[in-house]
């Protein structure tokens, strides 16, 4: 699909509704914009999996030692909140 969009004064771009629907892009969806030659390549970022979230937490250092019950509960709560927010957006 090829279409023309305008850049608003704040630098915002409004994508066509059919593009948004086909690519399952909703308000709040993160998009990756890459320069390719003289143009731009726009793709939605995939939602992180539970495994990826745990890897991020581990990389931050909190999982390099054994987690306390409180920390494990916090991780589970954050994951549950993330999933609930994702369900509401559908």
C-alpha atoms as a PDB file:
ATOM      1  CA  UNK A   1       0.000   0.000   0.000  1.00  0.00           C
ATOM      2  CA  UNK A   2       1.223   3.477  -0.832  1.00  0.00           C
ATOM      3  CA  UNK A   3      -0.423   6.556   0.623  1.00  0.00           C
ATOM      4  CA  UNK A   4       0.384  10.143   1.534  1.00  0.00           C
ATOM      5  CA  UNK A   5       0.208  11.435   5.102  1.00  0.00           C
ATOM      6  CA  UNK A   6       0.964  14.874   6.477  1.00  0.00           C
ATOM      7  CA  UNK A   7       3.211  15.737   9.404  1.00  0.00           C
ATOM      8  CA  UNK A   8       1.377  17.870  11.962  1.00  0.00           C
ATOM      9  CA  UNK A   9       2.927  20.899  13.647  1.00  0.00           C
ATOM     10  CA  UNK A  10       4.066  18.813  16.661  1.00  0.00           C
ATOM     11  CA  UNK A  11       5.762  16.273  14.356  1.00  0.00           C
ATOM     12  CA  UNK A  12       2.903  13.788  14.620  1.00  0.00           C
ATOM     13  CA  UNK A  13       1.764  11.643  11.703  1.00  0.00           C
ATOM     14  CA  UNK A  14      -1.747  10.219  11.375  1.00  0.00           C
ATOM     15  CA  UNK A  15      -1.685   6.757   9.817  1.00  0.00           C
ATOM     16  CA  UNK A  16      -4.602   5.603   7.629  1.00  0.00           C
ATOM     17  CA  UNK A  17      -7.291   3.608   9.497  1.00  0.00           C
ATOM     18  CA  UNK A  18      -6.977   0.569   7.198  1.00  0.00           C
ATOM     19  CA  UNK A  19      -3.202   0.455   7.838  1.00  0.00           C
ATOM     20  CA  UNK A  20      -3.831   0.590  11.595  1.00  0.00           C
ATOM     21  CA  UNK A  21      -6.426  -2.175  11.416  1.00  0.00           C
ATOM     22  CA  UNK A  22      -4.326  -4.502   9.219  1.00  0.00           C
ATOM     23  CA  UNK A  23      -1.311  -4.099  11.487  1.00  0.00           C
ATOM     24  CA  UNK A  24      -3.335  -4.239  14.742  1.00  0.00           C
ATOM     25  CA  UNK A  25      -2.029  -0.830  15.824  1.00  0.00           C
ATOM     26  CA  UNK A  26      -4.012   0.830  18.606  1.00  0.00           C
ATOM     27  CA  UNK A  27      -3.411   3.974  20.675  1.00  0.00           C
ATOM     28  CA  UNK A  28      -0.339   3.357  22.818  1.00  0.00           C
ATOM     29  CA  UNK A  29       1.238   0.826  20.423  1.00  0.00           C
ATOM     30  CA  UNK A  30       4.985   1.399  20.155  1.00  0.00           C
ATOM     31  CA  UNK A  31       6.295   1.766  16.609  1.00  0.00           C
ATOM     32  CA  UNK A  32       9.856   1.398  15.370  1.00  0.00           C
ATOM     33  CA  UNK A  33      10.837   3.941  12.710  1.00  0.00           C
ATOM     34  CA  UNK A  34      14.003   3.249  10.723  1.00  0.00           C
ATOM     35  CA  UNK A  35      15.654   5.312   8.024  1.00  0.00           C
ATOM     36  CA  UNK A  36      16.039   3.217   4.885  1.00  0.00           C
ATOM     37  CA  UNK A  37      17.778   4.968   2.030  1.00  0.00           C
ATOM     38  CA  UNK A  38      15.865   8.201   1.573  1.00  0.00           C
ATOM     39  CA  UNK A  39      12.720   6.917   3.279  1.00  0.00           C
ATOM     40  CA  UNK A  40      11.260   5.592   6.504  1.00  0.00           C
ATOM     41  CA  UNK A  41      10.287   2.051   7.466  1.00  0.00           C
ATOM     42  CA  UNK A  42       7.609   1.842  10.187  1.00  0.00           C
ATOM     43  CA  UNK A  43       6.824  -1.393  12.049  1.00  0.00           C
ATOM     44  CA  UNK A  44       4.911  -2.101  15.273  1.00  0.00           C
ATOM     45  CA  UNK A  45       7.004  -3.457  18.132  1.00  0.00           C
ATOM     46  CA  UNK A  46       5.895  -6.853  19.387  1.00  0.00           C
ATOM     47  CA  UNK A  47       4.603  -7.054  22.943  1.00  0.00           C
ATOM     48  CA  UNK A  48       7.196  -8.525  25.307  1.00  0.00           C
ATOM     49  CA  UNK A  49       6.697 -12.087  26.512  1.00  0.00           C
ATOM     50  CA  UNK A  50       6.853 -13.109  30.172  1.00  0.00           C
ATOM     51  CA  UNK A  51      10.291 -14.609  29.457  1.00  0.00           C
ATOM     52  CA  UNK A  52      11.522 -11.309  27.977  1.00  0.00           C
ATOM     53  CA  UNK A  53      10.185  -9.377  30.969  1.00  0.00           C
ATOM     54  CA  UNK A  54      12.043 -11.728  33.325  1.00  0.00           C
ATOM     55  CA  UNK A  55      15.244 -11.279  31.257  1.00  0.00           C
ATOM     56  CA  UNK A  56      14.938  -7.508  31.554  1.00  0.00           C
ATOM     57  CA  UNK A  57      14.516  -7.802  35.306  1.00  0.00           C
ATOM     58  CA  UNK A  58      17.510 -10.157  35.477  1.00  0.00           C
ATOM     59  CA  UNK A  59      19.627  -7.765  33.409  1.00  0.00           C
ATOM     60  CA  UNK A  60      18.755  -5.017  35.881  1.00  0.00           C
ATOM     61  CA  UNK A  61      20.407  -7.125  38.579  1.00  0.00           C
ATOM     62  CA  UNK A  62      17.492  -8.057  40.796  1.00  0.00           C
ATOM     63  CA  UNK A  63      17.577 -11.727  39.784  1.00  0.00           C
ATOM     64  CA  UNK A  64      21.325 -12.233  40.172  1.00  0.00           C
ATOM     65  CA  UNK A  65      20.586 -13.340  43.707  1.00  0.00           C
ATOM     66  CA  UNK A  66      17.746 -15.451  45.015  1.00  0.00           C
ATOM     67  CA  UNK A  67      14.523 -13.457  45.059  1.00  0.00           C
ATOM     68  CA  UNK A  68      12.650 -12.844  48.254  1.00  0.00           C
ATOM     69  CA  UNK A  69       8.957 -13.745  48.407  1.00  0.00           C
ATOM     70  CA  UNK A  70       8.141 -10.022  48.283  1.00  0.00           C
ATOM     71  CA  UNK A  71      10.197  -9.521  45.119  1.00  0.00           C
ATOM     72  CA  UNK A  72       8.667 -12.559  43.425  1.00  0.00           C
ATOM     73  CA  UNK A  73       5.181 -11.292  44.307  1.00  0.00           C
ATOM     74  CA  UNK A  74       6.083  -7.878  42.874  1.00  0.00           C
ATOM     75  CA  UNK A  75       7.240  -9.455  39.591  1.00  0.00           C
ATOM     76  CA  UNK A  76       4.067 -11.558  39.356  1.00  0.00           C
ATOM     77  CA  UNK A  77       1.918  -8.484  40.107  1.00  0.00           C
ATOM     78  CA  UNK A  78       3.634  -6.432  37.378  1.00  0.00           C
ATOM     79  CA  UNK A  79       3.197  -9.251  34.861  1.00  0.00           C
ATOM     80  CA  UNK A  80      -0.486  -9.644  35.821  1.00  0.00           C
ATOM     81  CA  UNK A  81      -1.076  -5.877  35.514  1.00  0.00           C
ATOM     82  CA  UNK A  82       0.656  -5.852  32.127  1.00  0.00           C
ATOM     83  CA  UNK A  83      -1.509  -8.715  30.866  1.00  0.00           C
ATOM     84  CA  UNK A  84      -4.701  -7.076  32.181  1.00  0.00           C
ATOM     85  CA  UNK A  85      -3.839  -3.790  30.451  1.00  0.00           C
ATOM     86  CA  UNK A  86      -3.148  -5.683  27.232  1.00  0.00           C
ATOM     87  CA  UNK A  87      -6.550  -7.442  27.473  1.00  0.00           C
ATOM     88  CA  UNK A  88      -8.364  -4.116  28.029  1.00  0.00           C
ATOM     89  CA  UNK A  89      -6.791  -2.640  24.884  1.00  0.00           C
ATOM     90  CA  UNK A  90      -8.141  -5.468  22.682  1.00  0.00           C
END
